[in-house]
Structures are given as C-alpha cells and as structure tokens.
PDB file of N, CA and C in Angstrom:
ATOM      1  N   MET A   1       0.976  -1.175   0.043  1.00  0.00           N
ATOM      2  CA  MET A   1       0.100   0.054   0.006  1.00  0.00           C
ATOM      3  C   MET A   1       0.827   1.123  -0.214  1.00  0.00           C
ATOM      4  N   PRO A   2       0.933   2.079  -1.154  1.00  0.00           N
ATOM      5  CA  PRO A   2       1.459   3.422  -0.786  1.00  0.00           C
ATOM      6  C   PRO A   2       0.895   4.077  -0.032  1.00  0.00           C
ATOM      7  N   THR A   3       2.101   4.891   0.897  1.00  0.00           N
ATOM      8  CA  THR A   3       1.961   6.169   1.393  1.00  0.00           C
ATOM      9  C   THR A   3       2.845   7.070   1.536  1.00  0.00           C
ATOM     10  N   SER A   4       2.421   8.181   1.653  1.00  0.00           N
ATOM     11  CA  SER A   4       3.269   9.343   1.649  1.00  0.00           C
ATOM     12  C   SER A   4       3.681   9.591   2.986  1.00  0.00           C
ATOM     13  N   ILE A   5       4.791  10.471   3.343  1.00  0.00           N
ATOM     14  CA  ILE A   5       5.371  11.395   4.257  1.00  0.00           C
ATOM     15  C   ILE A   5       5.648  12.108   4.101  1.00  0.00           C
ATOM     16  N   ARG A   6       5.773  13.217   5.150  1.00  0.00           N
ATOM     17  CA  ARG A   6       6.590  14.840   4.848  1.00  0.00           C
ATOM     18  C   ARG A   6       7.769  14.526   5.889  1.00  0.00           C
ATOM     19  N   LEU A   7       9.068  14.703   5.481  1.00  0.00           N
ATOM     20  CA  LEU A   7       9.826  14.426   6.684  1.00  0.00           C
ATOM     21  C   LEU A   7      10.816  15.765   6.736  1.00  0.00           C
ATOM     22  N   ASN A   8      11.304  16.408   7.980  1.00  0.00           N
ATOM     23  CA  ASN A   8      11.975  17.708   7.730  1.00  0.00           C
ATOM     24  C   ASN A   8      13.072  17.642   6.946  1.00  0.00           C
ATOM     25  N   ASN A   9      13.619  18.532   6.771  1.00  0.00           N
ATOM     26  CA  ASN A   9      14.859  18.652   5.812  1.00  0.00           C
ATOM     27  C   ASN A   9      15.954  17.664   6.280  1.00  0.00           C
ATOM     28  N   ASP A  10      16.259  18.214   7.741  1.00  0.00           N
ATOM     29  CA  ASP A  10      17.491  17.121   8.139  1.00  0.00           C
ATOM     30  C   ASP A  10      17.198  16.013   8.285  1.00  0.00           C
ATOM     31  N   ILE A  11      16.055  15.246   8.242  1.00  0.00           N
ATOM     32  CA  ILE A  11      16.020  14.092   8.230  1.00  0.00           C
ATOM     33  C   ILE A  11      15.905  13.723   6.690  1.00  0.00           C
ATOM     34  N   GLU A  12      15.584  14.417   6.096  1.00  0.00           N
ATOM     35  CA  GLU A  12      15.224  13.782   4.695  1.00  0.00           C
ATOM     36  C   GLU A  12      16.636  13.674   3.767  1.00  0.00           C
ATOM     37  N   ASN A  13      17.426  14.685   4.474  1.00  0.00           N
ATOM     38  CA  ASN A  13      18.787  14.905   4.174  1.00  0.00           C
ATOM     39  C   ASN A  13      19.712  13.504   4.627  1.00  0.00           C
ATOM     40  N   ARG A  14      19.328  13.490   5.561  1.00  0.00           N
ATOM     41  CA  ARG A  14      20.434  12.327   6.562  1.00  0.00           C
ATOM     42  C   ARG A  14      19.854  10.794   5.551  1.00  0.00           C
ATOM     43  N   LEU A  15      18.642  10.628   5.466  1.00  0.00           N
ATOM     44  CA  LEU A  15      17.942   9.354   4.992  1.00  0.00           C
ATOM     45  C   LEU A  15      18.232   9.476   3.304  1.00  0.00           C
ATOM     46  N   THR A  16      18.812  10.491   2.877  1.00  0.00           N
ATOM     47  CA  THR A  16      19.293  10.334   1.248  1.00  0.00           C
ATOM     48  C   THR A  16      20.646  10.044   1.344  1.00  0.00           C
ATOM     49  N   HIS A  17      21.072  10.280   2.039  1.00  0.00           N
ATOM     50  CA  HIS A  17      22.546  10.283   2.502  1.00  0.00           C
ATOM     51  C   HIS A  17      23.290   9.066   2.679  1.00  0.00           C
ATOM     52  N   LEU A  18      22.356   8.829   3.827  1.00  0.00           N
ATOM     53  CA  LEU A  18      22.252   6.876   3.846  1.00  0.00           C
ATOM     54  C   LEU A  18      21.923   6.116   2.367  1.00  0.00           C
ATOM     55  N   ALA A  19      21.032   6.728   2.216  1.00  0.00           N
ATOM     56  CA  ALA A  19      20.620   5.257   1.130  1.00  0.00           C
ATOM     57  C   ALA A  19      21.605   5.592  -0.027  1.00  0.00           C
ATOM     58  N   GLU A  20      22.303   7.073  -0.175  1.00  0.00           N
ATOM     59  CA  GLU A  20      23.298   6.880  -1.525  1.00  0.00           C
ATOM     60  C   GLU A  20      24.517   6.326  -1.034  1.00  0.00           C
ATOM     61  N   ILE A  21      24.963   6.167   0.112  1.00  0.00           N
ATOM     62  CA  ILE A  21      26.044   5.470   0.603  1.00  0.00           C
ATOM     63  C   ILE A  21      26.166   3.984   0.689  1.00  0.00           C
ATOM     64  N   THR A  22      25.133   3.693   1.080  1.00  0.00           N
ATOM     65  CA  THR A  22      24.683   2.052   1.246  1.00  0.00           C
ATOM     66  C   THR A  22      23.922   1.366  -0.245  1.00  0.00           C
ATOM     67  N   GLY A  23      23.864   1.847  -0.953  1.00  0.00           N
ATOM     68  CA  GLY A  23      23.491   1.645  -2.269  1.00  0.00           C
ATOM     69  C   GLY A  23      21.727   0.823  -2.108  1.00  0.00           C
ATOM     70  N   ARG A  24      20.827   1.251  -0.957  1.00  0.00           N
ATOM     71  CA  ARG A  24      19.949   0.533  -0.288  1.00  0.00           C
ATOM     72  C   ARG A  24      18.888   1.978  -0.876  1.00  0.00           C
ATOM     73  N   SER A  25      17.524   2.171  -0.936  1.00  0.00           N
ATOM     74  CA  SER A  25      16.657   2.700  -1.242  1.00  0.00           C
ATOM     75  C   SER A  25      15.870   3.422   0.016  1.00  0.00           C
ATOM     76  N   LYS A  26      15.434   4.700  -0.221  1.00  0.00           N
ATOM     77  CA  LYS A  26      15.096   5.092   1.089  1.00  0.00           C
ATOM     78  C   LYS A  26      13.649   4.517   1.448  1.00  0.00           C
ATOM     79  N   SER A  27      13.056   3.737   0.845  1.00  0.00           N
ATOM     80  CA  SER A  27      12.056   3.194   1.094  1.00  0.00           C
ATOM     81  C   SER A  27      12.318   1.822   2.108  1.00  0.00           C
ATOM     82  N   PHE A  28      13.677   1.602   2.078  1.00  0.00           N
ATOM     83  CA  PHE A  28      13.811   0.391   2.734  1.00  0.00           C
ATOM     84  C   PHE A  28      14.078   0.910   3.846  1.00  0.00           C
ATOM     85  N   TYR A  29      15.026   1.763   4.097  1.00  0.00           N
ATOM     86  CA  TYR A  29      15.225   2.326   5.550  1.00  0.00           C
ATOM     87  C   TYR A  29      13.991   2.608   6.175  1.00  0.00           C
ATOM     88  N   LEU A  30      13.057   3.501   5.444  1.00  0.00           N
ATOM     89  CA  LEU A  30      11.706   3.982   6.342  1.00  0.00           C
ATOM     90  C   LEU A  30      10.565   2.564   6.481  1.00  0.00           C
ATOM     91  N   ARG A  31      10.886   1.569   5.565  1.00  0.00           N
ATOM     92  CA  ARG A  31      10.002   0.576   6.053  1.00  0.00           C
ATOM     93  C   ARG A  31      10.776  -0.270   7.284  1.00  0.00           C
ATOM     94  N   LYS A  32      12.178  -0.402   7.450  1.00  0.00           N
ATOM     95  CA  LYS A  32      12.860  -0.922   8.192  1.00  0.00           C
ATOM     96  C   LYS A  32      12.504  -0.484   9.572  1.00  0.00           C
ATOM     97  N   LEU A  33      12.578   0.910   9.718  1.00  0.00           N
ATOM     98  CA  LEU A  33      12.326   1.521  10.880  1.00  0.00           C
ATOM     99  C   LEU A  33      11.022   1.609  11.219  1.00  0.00           C
ATOM    100  N   ILE A  34       9.795   1.407  10.507  1.00  0.00           N
ATOM    101  CA  ILE A  34       8.688   0.881  10.831  1.00  0.00           C
ATOM    102  C   ILE A  34       8.438  -0.386  11.366  1.00  0.00           C
ATOM    103  N   GLU A  35       9.124  -1.105  10.823  1.00  0.00           N
ATOM    104  CA  GLU A  35       8.996  -2.645  11.151  1.00  0.00           C
ATOM    105  C   GLU A  35       9.797  -2.944  12.698  1.00  0.00           C
ATOM    106  N   ASP A  36      10.926  -2.349  12.969  1.00  0.00           N
ATOM    107  CA  ASP A  36      11.621  -2.639  13.908  1.00  0.00           C
ATOM    108  C   ASP A  36      11.048  -1.981  15.281  1.00  0.00           C
ATOM    109  N   HIS A  37      10.349  -0.642  15.213  1.00  0.00           N
ATOM    110  CA  HIS A  37       9.900  -0.330  16.088  1.00  0.00           C
ATOM    111  C   HIS A  37       8.484   0.487  16.150  1.00  0.00           C
ATOM    112  N   PHE A  38       7.458  -0.696  15.576  1.00  0.00           N
ATOM    113  CA  PHE A  38       6.227   0.076  15.748  1.00  0.00           C
ATOM    114  C   PHE A  38       5.550  -0.531  16.625  1.00  0.00           C
ATOM    115  N   ASP A  39       6.151  -1.938  17.167  1.00  0.00           N
ATOM    116  CA  ASP A  39       5.757  -2.267  18.305  1.00  0.00           C
ATOM    117  C   ASP A  39       5.579  -1.630  19.471  1.00  0.00           C
ATOM    118  N   GLU A  40       6.887  -1.013  19.999  1.00  0.00           N
ATOM    119  CA  GLU A  40       7.155   0.033  20.841  1.00  0.00           C
ATOM    120  C   GLU A  40       6.114   1.286  20.446  1.00  0.00           C
ATOM    121  N   LEU A  41       6.086   1.960  19.392  1.00  0.00           N
ATOM    122  CA  LEU A  41       4.958   2.967  19.343  1.00  0.00           C
ATOM    123  C   LEU A  41       3.816   2.289  19.752  1.00  0.00           C
ATOM    124  N   GLU A  42       3.255   1.376  18.956  1.00  0.00           N
ATOM    125  CA  GLU A  42       1.697   1.169  19.760  1.00  0.00           C
ATOM    126  C   GLU A  42       1.448   1.129  21.394  1.00  0.00           C
ATOM    127  N   GLU A  43       2.633   0.022  21.672  1.00  0.00           N
ATOM    128  CA  GLU A  43       3.089   0.135  23.522  1.00  0.00           C
ATOM    129  C   GLU A  43       2.656   1.479  24.140  1.00  0.00           C
ATOM    130  N   ILE A  44       3.478   2.401  23.369  1.00  0.00           N
ATOM    131  CA  ILE A  44       3.716   3.724  24.335  1.00  0.00           C
ATOM    132  C   ILE A  44       1.976   4.357  24.236  1.00  0.00           C
ATOM    133  N   TYR A  45       2.123   4.611  22.681  1.00  0.00           N
ATOM    134  CA  TYR A  45       0.732   5.279  22.427  1.00  0.00           C
ATOM    135  C   TYR A  45      -0.797   4.676  22.545  1.00  0.00           C
ATOM    136  N   LEU A  46      -0.781   3.529  22.891  1.00  0.00           N
ATOM    137  CA  LEU A  46      -1.681   2.648  23.489  1.00  0.00           C
ATOM    138  C   LEU A  46      -2.083   3.134  24.916  1.00  0.00           C
ATOM    139  N   ALA A  47      -0.831   2.394  25.557  1.00  0.00           N
ATOM    140  CA  ALA A  47      -1.041   3.236  27.136  1.00  0.00           C
ATOM    141  C   ALA A  47      -1.415   4.113  27.567  1.00  0.00           C
ATOM    142  N   GLU A  48      -0.743   5.131  26.702  1.00  0.00           N
ATOM    143  CA  GLU A  48      -1.216   6.703  26.775  1.00  0.00           C
ATOM    144  C   GLU A  48      -2.529   6.905  26.718  1.00  0.00           C
ATOM    145  N   GLU A  49      -2.982   6.132  25.527  1.00  0.00           N
ATOM    146  CA  GLU A  49      -4.749   6.014  25.420  1.00  0.00           C
ATOM    147  C   GLU A  49      -5.438   5.566  26.887  1.00  0.00           C
ATOM    148  N   THR A  50      -4.629   4.485  27.315  1.00  0.00           N
ATOM    149  CA  THR A  50      -5.722   3.666  28.264  1.00  0.00           C
ATOM    150  C   THR A  50      -5.773   4.420  29.158  1.00  0.00           C
ATOM    151  N   LEU A  51      -4.346   4.941  29.769  1.00  0.00           N
ATOM    152  CA  LEU A  51      -3.931   6.068  30.997  1.00  0.00           C
ATOM    153  C   LEU A  51      -5.268   7.269  30.729  1.00  0.00           C
ATOM    154  N   GLN A  52      -5.265   7.891  29.685  1.00  0.00           N
ATOM    155  CA  GLN A  52      -6.420   8.760  29.454  1.00  0.00           C
ATOM    156  C   GLN A  52      -7.933   8.637  29.888  1.00  0.00           C
ATOM    157  N   ARG A  53      -8.137   7.117  29.329  1.00  0.00           N
ATOM    158  CA  ARG A  53      -9.771   6.609  29.710  1.00  0.00           C
ATOM    159  C   ARG A  53     -10.022   6.333  31.585  1.00  0.00           C
ATOM    160  N   ILE A  54      -8.590   6.013  32.041  1.00  0.00           N
ATOM    161  CA  ILE A  54      -8.538   5.622  33.532  1.00  0.00           C
ATOM    162  C   ILE A  54      -8.878   7.096  34.230  1.00  0.00           C
ATOM    163  N   ARG A  55      -8.286   8.301  33.844  1.00  0.00           N
ATOM    164  CA  ARG A  55      -8.212   9.597  33.966  1.00  0.00           C
ATOM    165  C   ARG A  55      -9.662   9.885  34.231  1.00  0.00           C
ATOM    166  N   ARG A  56     -10.272   9.378  32.738  1.00  0.00           N
ATOM    167  CA  ARG A  56     -11.670   9.993  32.626  1.00  0.00           C
ATOM    168  C   ARG A  56     -12.854   8.846  33.322  1.00  0.00           C
ATOM    169  N   GLY A  57     -12.394   8.037  33.924  1.00  0.00           N
ATOM    170  CA  GLY A  57     -12.946   7.277  34.884  1.00  0.00           C
ATOM    171  C   GLY A  57     -13.885   5.930  33.762  1.00  0.00           C
ATOM    172  N   GLU A  58     -13.376   6.237  32.521  1.00  0.00           N
ATOM    173  CA  GLU A  58     -13.632   5.307  31.348  1.00  0.00           C
ATOM    174  C   GLU A  58     -13.451   3.672  31.704  1.00  0.00           C
ATOM    175  N   GLU A  59     -12.316   3.828  32.168  1.00  0.00           N
ATOM    176  CA  GLU A  59     -11.706   2.312  32.433  1.00  0.00           C
ATOM    177  C   GLU A  59     -11.245   1.871  33.825  1.00  0.00           C
ATOM    178  N   LYS A  60     -12.534   0.930  34.153  1.00  0.00           N
ATOM    179  CA  LYS A  60     -11.707   0.258  35.400  1.00  0.00           C
ATOM    180  C   LYS A  60     -10.429  -0.283  35.731  1.00  0.00           C
ATOM    181  N   THR A  61     -10.072  -0.240  36.806  1.00  0.00           N
ATOM    182  CA  THR A  61      -8.760  -0.669  37.218  1.00  0.00           C
ATOM    183  C   THR A  61      -8.941  -1.479  38.662  1.00  0.00           C
ATOM    184  N   HIS A  62      -8.073  -2.389  39.013  1.00  0.00           N
ATOM    185  CA  HIS A  62      -8.373  -3.092  39.851  1.00  0.00           C
ATOM    186  C   HIS A  62      -6.989  -3.579  40.878  1.00  0.00           C
ATOM    187  N   SER A  63      -7.151  -3.210  41.940  1.00  0.00           N
ATOM    188  CA  SER A  63      -6.182  -3.267  42.885  1.00  0.00           C
ATOM    189  C   SER A  63      -5.086  -4.648  43.193  1.00  0.00           C
ATOM    190  N   LEU A  64      -3.740  -4.472  43.649  1.00  0.00           N
ATOM    191  CA  LEU A  64      -3.242  -5.867  43.504  1.00  0.00           C
ATOM    192  C   LEU A  64      -3.757  -6.966  44.509  1.00  0.00           C
ATOM    193  N   LYS A  65      -4.288  -5.883  45.546  1.00  0.00           N
ATOM    194  CA  LYS A  65      -4.828  -7.233  46.717  1.00  0.00           C
ATOM    195  C   LYS A  65      -6.335  -7.699  46.021  1.00  0.00           C
ATOM    196  N   ASP A  66      -7.007  -7.169  45.268  1.00  0.00           N
ATOM    197  CA  ASP A  66      -8.091  -7.995  44.563  1.00  0.00           C
ATOM    198  C   ASP A  66      -7.743  -8.567  44.205  1.00  0.00           C
ATOM    199  N   VAL A  67      -6.939  -8.505  42.809  1.00  0.00           N
ATOM    200  CA  VAL A  67      -6.284  -9.622  41.887  1.00  0.00           C
ATOM    201  C   VAL A  67      -5.669 -10.589  42.655  1.00  0.00           C
ATOM    202  N   GLU A  68      -5.200 -10.533  43.604  1.00  0.00           N
ATOM    203  CA  GLU A  68      -4.405 -11.806  44.442  1.00  0.00           C
ATOM    204  C   GLU A  68      -5.710 -12.513  45.231  1.00  0.00           C
ATOM    205  N   HIS A  69      -6.371 -11.744  45.778  1.00  0.00           N
ATOM    206  CA  HIS A  69      -7.357 -12.475  45.848  1.00  0.00           C
ATOM    207  C   HIS A  69      -8.556 -13.293  45.231  1.00  0.00           C
ATOM    208  N   GLU A  70      -8.578 -12.536  44.153  1.00  0.00           N
ATOM    209  CA  GLU A  70      -9.687 -13.307  42.900  1.00  0.00           C
ATOM    210  C   GLU A  70      -8.760 -14.386  42.466  1.00  0.00           C
ATOM    211  N   LEU A  71      -7.630 -14.514  42.582  1.00  0.00           N
ATOM    212  CA  LEU A  71      -6.779 -15.872  41.800  1.00  0.00           C
ATOM    213  C   LEU A  71      -6.270 -16.449  42.971  1.00  0.00           C
ATOM    214  N   GLY A  72      -6.588 -16.477  44.129  1.00  0.00           N
ATOM    215  CA  GLY A  72      -6.890 -17.393  45.517  1.00  0.00           C
ATOM    216  C   GLY A  72      -4.921 -17.126  45.784  1.00  0.00           C
ATOM    217  N   LEU A  73      -4.193 -16.192  45.613  1.00  0.00           N
ATOM    218  CA  LEU A  73      -2.689 -16.080  45.956  1.00  0.00           C
ATOM    219  C   LEU A  73      -2.866 -15.461  47.331  1.00  0.00           C
ATOM    220  N   ASP A  74      -3.651 -14.976  48.107  1.00  0.00           N
ATOM    221  CA  ASP A  74      -3.852 -13.921  49.049  1.00  0.00           C
ATOM    222  C   ASP A  74      -3.835 -14.809  50.623  1.00  0.00           C
ATOM    223  N   ASP A  75      -2.460 -15.406  50.493  1.00  0.00           N
ATOM    224  CA  ASP A  75      -1.999 -16.653  51.426  1.00  0.00           C
ATOM    225  C   ASP A  75      -2.349 -15.905  52.909  1.00  0.00           C
TER     226      ASP A  75
END
C-alpha cells in the first residue's frame, strides 16, 4: 500500500545520504524503521490512551490485593 510522509529537511537529507552511501533505497530504511519500532510505538501510544481513559473514569482498574484474592494468591 503506497503511503507518503513529509520529513523535515534534516531527516530527509540524512535519509538520502544513508541511501546513497549504502546503495539501498530510502523506502528500505523507512520500512525497516517501521517494522523494527512499530511495536514500541503501539505500546507507548496505546498505554497513553488507556491512561487517559482511566483518568476520565472510563476504564476500570483493580488493586493488586483484589487480583491476588480473585486468583487465590492471598495466603
């Protein structure tokens, strides 16, 4: 699926330089960055969204004590 993005001049120049020096395409490096770091981005941004829902009272939370009791781990 074709997608386009705007990069600031510094990043664009660095990416172009890397591609020229290594003989790989800029698309290769952009794809590599996304593939290697997308899990981290999901984790960060989805956690932030969950935190916002908790703060708005839209997400239920459970205390460690209650979870331990529910799982029968409260000796």
